Amino acid sequence: MFITRGRVAIEQVQAASDSAGPPVSLRIAARSAGTAVGSLAILTPDTAPTRLRAETEVEVLVLTETALDRLTDDHPAVAAALLHATTQAIAAEYRWLAAENLALSR
């Protein structure tokens, strides 16, 4: 999903500490226009339960699995570039999270 306008919060959905209570959302990041969200979902459907919550009025472009398959078949070089950009974005996010984790552990 590509954000073309606005800002969204990315929230991790967790079970409530009280098993009878509703799930709890923890804001883990925010993204705004010009960025992509859901990069990990391109690589695997087995991702942690997250959700997006609009913080402002938002407009997005969605790349469906069907469209991605068609892109791969019709334009393999573009699909390869998208996959490369996706892995770079995931790696950058991982490095940032690792640095945050290290800072919090000190």
C-alpha atoms as a PDB file:
ATOM      1  CA  MET A   1       0.000   0.000   0.000  1.00  0.00           C
ATOM      2  CA  PHE A   2       1.380   3.372  -1.011  1.00  0.00           C
ATOM      3  CA  ILE A   3       0.320   6.468   0.904  1.00  0.00           C
ATOM      4  CA  THR A   4      -0.325   9.311  -1.531  1.00  0.00           C
ATOM      5  CA  ARG A   5      -1.873  11.738   0.946  1.00  0.00           C
ATOM      6  CA  GLY A   6      -2.139  12.006   4.709  1.00  0.00           C
ATOM      7  CA  ARG A   7      -0.636  10.204   7.692  1.00  0.00           C
ATOM      8  CA  VAL A   8      -1.340   6.818   9.283  1.00  0.00           C
ATOM      9  CA  ALA A   9      -0.364   5.194  12.554  1.00  0.00           C
ATOM     10  CA  ILE A  10       0.804   1.595  12.413  1.00  0.00           C
ATOM     11  CA  GLU A  11      -0.527  -0.299  15.404  1.00  0.00           C
ATOM     12  CA  GLN A  12       0.406  -3.724  16.746  1.00  0.00           C
ATOM     13  CA  VAL A  13      -2.702  -5.564  17.881  1.00  0.00           C
ATOM     14  CA  GLN A  14      -2.221  -7.512  21.124  1.00  0.00           C
ATOM     15  CA  ALA A  15      -4.533  -9.610  23.232  1.00  0.00           C
ATOM     16  CA  ALA A  16      -5.796  -7.809  26.322  1.00  0.00           C
ATOM     17  CA  SER A  17      -4.103  -8.636  29.614  1.00  0.00           C
ATOM     18  CA  ASP A  18      -7.563  -9.663  30.795  1.00  0.00           C
ATOM     19  CA  SER A  19      -8.568 -12.492  28.453  1.00  0.00           C
ATOM     20  CA  ALA A  20     -12.168 -11.275  28.513  1.00  0.00           C
ATOM     21  CA  GLY A  21     -11.240  -7.748  27.451  1.00  0.00           C
ATOM     22  CA  PRO A  22     -10.974  -6.354  23.934  1.00  0.00           C
ATOM     23  CA  PRO A  23      -7.654  -6.464  22.051  1.00  0.00           C
ATOM     24  CA  VAL A  24      -5.224  -3.638  22.761  1.00  0.00           C
ATOM     25  CA  SER A  25      -3.472  -1.621  20.064  1.00  0.00           C
ATOM     26  CA  LEU A  26       0.048  -0.287  20.548  1.00  0.00           C
ATOM     27  CA  ARG A  27       1.207   2.487  18.212  1.00  0.00           C
ATOM     28  CA  ILE A  28       4.557   1.350  16.838  1.00  0.00           C
ATOM     29  CA  ALA A  29       5.174   3.780  13.977  1.00  0.00           C
ATOM     30  CA  ALA A  30       3.659   6.391  11.700  1.00  0.00           C
ATOM     31  CA  ARG A  31       3.970   6.901   7.974  1.00  0.00           C
ATOM     32  CA  SER A  32       2.954   9.750   5.708  1.00  0.00           C
ATOM     33  CA  ALA A  33       2.525  10.578   2.035  1.00  0.00           C
ATOM     34  CA  GLY A  34       5.299   9.263  -0.175  1.00  0.00           C
ATOM     35  CA  THR A  35       5.903   6.090   1.813  1.00  0.00           C
ATOM     36  CA  ALA A  36       4.767   2.492   1.571  1.00  0.00           C
ATOM     37  CA  VAL A  37       3.276   0.343   4.302  1.00  0.00           C
ATOM     38  CA  GLY A  38       2.765  -3.394   4.403  1.00  0.00           C
ATOM     39  CA  SER A  39       6.070  -4.220   2.738  1.00  0.00           C
ATOM     40  CA  LEU A  40       6.436  -7.438   4.697  1.00  0.00           C
ATOM     41  CA  ALA A  41       3.068  -8.636   3.419  1.00  0.00           C
ATOM     42  CA  ILE A  42       4.500  -8.680  -0.115  1.00  0.00           C
ATOM     43  CA  LEU A  43       6.958 -11.355   0.992  1.00  0.00           C
ATOM     44  CA  THR A  44       4.802 -13.390   3.352  1.00  0.00           C
ATOM     45  CA  PRO A  45       1.172 -13.390   4.405  1.00  0.00           C
ATOM     46  CA  ASP A  46       2.147 -14.626   7.883  1.00  0.00           C
ATOM     47  CA  THR A  47       2.846 -11.262   9.479  1.00  0.00           C
ATOM     48  CA  ALA A  48       2.088 -10.040  12.984  1.00  0.00           C
ATOM     49  CA  PRO A  49      -1.412  -8.639  13.374  1.00  0.00           C
ATOM     50  CA  THR A  50      -1.094  -4.933  12.671  1.00  0.00           C
ATOM     51  CA  ARG A  51      -3.530  -2.323  11.543  1.00  0.00           C
ATOM     52  CA  LEU A  52      -3.400   1.144  10.093  1.00  0.00           C
ATOM     53  CA  ARG A  53      -5.289   4.003  11.689  1.00  0.00           C
ATOM     54  CA  ALA A  54      -5.701   7.264   9.799  1.00  0.00           C
ATOM     55  CA  GLU A  55      -4.352  10.238  11.744  1.00  0.00           C
ATOM     56  CA  THR A  56      -5.442  12.622   8.998  1.00  0.00           C
ATOM     57  CA  GLU A  57      -7.484  12.253   5.840  1.00  0.00           C
ATOM     58  CA  VAL A  58      -5.650   9.561   3.866  1.00  0.00           C
ATOM     59  CA  GLU A  59      -5.462   8.439   0.271  1.00  0.00           C
ATOM     60  CA  VAL A  60      -3.652   5.222  -0.677  1.00  0.00           C
ATOM     61  CA  LEU A  61      -2.880   3.061  -3.685  1.00  0.00           C
ATOM     62  CA  VAL A  62      -3.170  -0.669  -3.074  1.00  0.00           C
ATOM     63  CA  LEU A  63      -1.094  -3.305  -4.852  1.00  0.00           C
ATOM     64  CA  THR A  64      -3.181  -6.468  -4.701  1.00  0.00           C
ATOM     65  CA  GLU A  65      -1.711  -9.953  -4.903  1.00  0.00           C
ATOM     66  CA  THR A  66      -3.338 -10.374  -8.329  1.00  0.00           C
ATOM     67  CA  ALA A  67      -1.825  -7.125  -9.584  1.00  0.00           C
ATOM     68  CA  LEU A  68       1.578  -8.128  -8.211  1.00  0.00           C
ATOM     69  CA  ASP A  69       1.355 -11.487  -9.994  1.00  0.00           C
ATOM     70  CA  ARG A  70       0.437  -9.739 -13.240  1.00  0.00           C
ATOM     71  CA  LEU A  71       3.289  -7.258 -12.771  1.00  0.00           C
ATOM     72  CA  THR A  72       5.695 -10.156 -12.238  1.00  0.00           C
ATOM     73  CA  ASP A  73       4.502 -11.872 -15.428  1.00  0.00           C
ATOM     74  CA  ASP A  74       4.286  -8.783 -17.640  1.00  0.00           C
ATOM     75  CA  HIS A  75       7.160  -6.663 -16.317  1.00  0.00           C
ATOM     76  CA  PRO A  76       9.650  -8.872 -14.460  1.00  0.00           C
ATOM     77  CA  ALA A  77      12.298  -6.135 -14.240  1.00  0.00           C
ATOM     78  CA  VAL A  78       9.836  -3.779 -12.533  1.00  0.00           C
ATOM     79  CA  ALA A  79       8.730  -6.554 -10.170  1.00  0.00           C
ATOM     80  CA  ALA A  80      12.382  -7.304  -9.349  1.00  0.00           C
ATOM     81  CA  ALA A  81      13.013  -3.615  -8.624  1.00  0.00           C
ATOM     82  CA  LEU A  82       9.942  -3.529  -6.364  1.00  0.00           C
ATOM     83  CA  LEU A  83      11.130  -6.632  -4.510  1.00  0.00           C
ATOM     84  CA  HIS A  84      14.579  -5.089  -4.093  1.00  0.00           C
ATOM     85  CA  ALA A  85      13.103  -1.832  -2.765  1.00  0.00           C
ATOM     86  CA  THR A  86      10.861  -3.837  -0.435  1.00  0.00           C
ATOM     87  CA  THR A  87      13.749  -5.805   1.047  1.00  0.00           C
ATOM     88  CA  GLN A  88      15.753  -2.584   1.481  1.00  0.00           C
ATOM     89  CA  ALA A  89      12.826  -0.964   3.323  1.00  0.00           C
ATOM     90  CA  ILE A  90      12.438  -3.989   5.595  1.00  0.00           C
ATOM     91  CA  ALA A  91      16.181  -4.036   6.296  1.00  0.00           C
ATOM     92  CA  ALA A  92      16.143  -0.322   7.172  1.00  0.00           C
ATOM     93  CA  GLU A  93      13.182  -0.845   9.499  1.00  0.00           C
ATOM     94  CA  TYR A  94      14.971  -3.783  11.142  1.00  0.00           C
ATOM     95  CA  ARG A  95      18.145  -1.723  11.682  1.00  0.00           C
ATOM     96  CA  TRP A  96      16.096   1.110  13.205  1.00  0.00           C
ATOM     97  CA  LEU A  97      14.231  -1.287  15.518  1.00  0.00           C
ATOM     98  CA  ALA A  98      17.494  -2.965  16.564  1.00  0.00           C
ATOM     99  CA  ALA A  99      19.005   0.428  17.421  1.00  0.00           C
ATOM    100  CA  GLU A 100      15.881   1.415  19.380  1.00  0.00           C
ATOM    101  CA  ASN A 101      15.945  -1.892  21.256  1.00  0.00           C
ATOM    102  CA  LEU A 102      19.614  -1.434  22.108  1.00  0.00           C
ATOM    103  CA  ALA A 103      18.993   2.146  23.320  1.00  0.00           C
ATOM    104  CA  LEU A 104      16.093   1.002  25.496  1.00  0.00           C
ATOM    105  CA  SER A 105      18.141  -1.808  27.045  1.00  0.00           C
ATOM    106  CA  ARG A 106      20.807   0.577  28.349  1.00  0.00           C
END
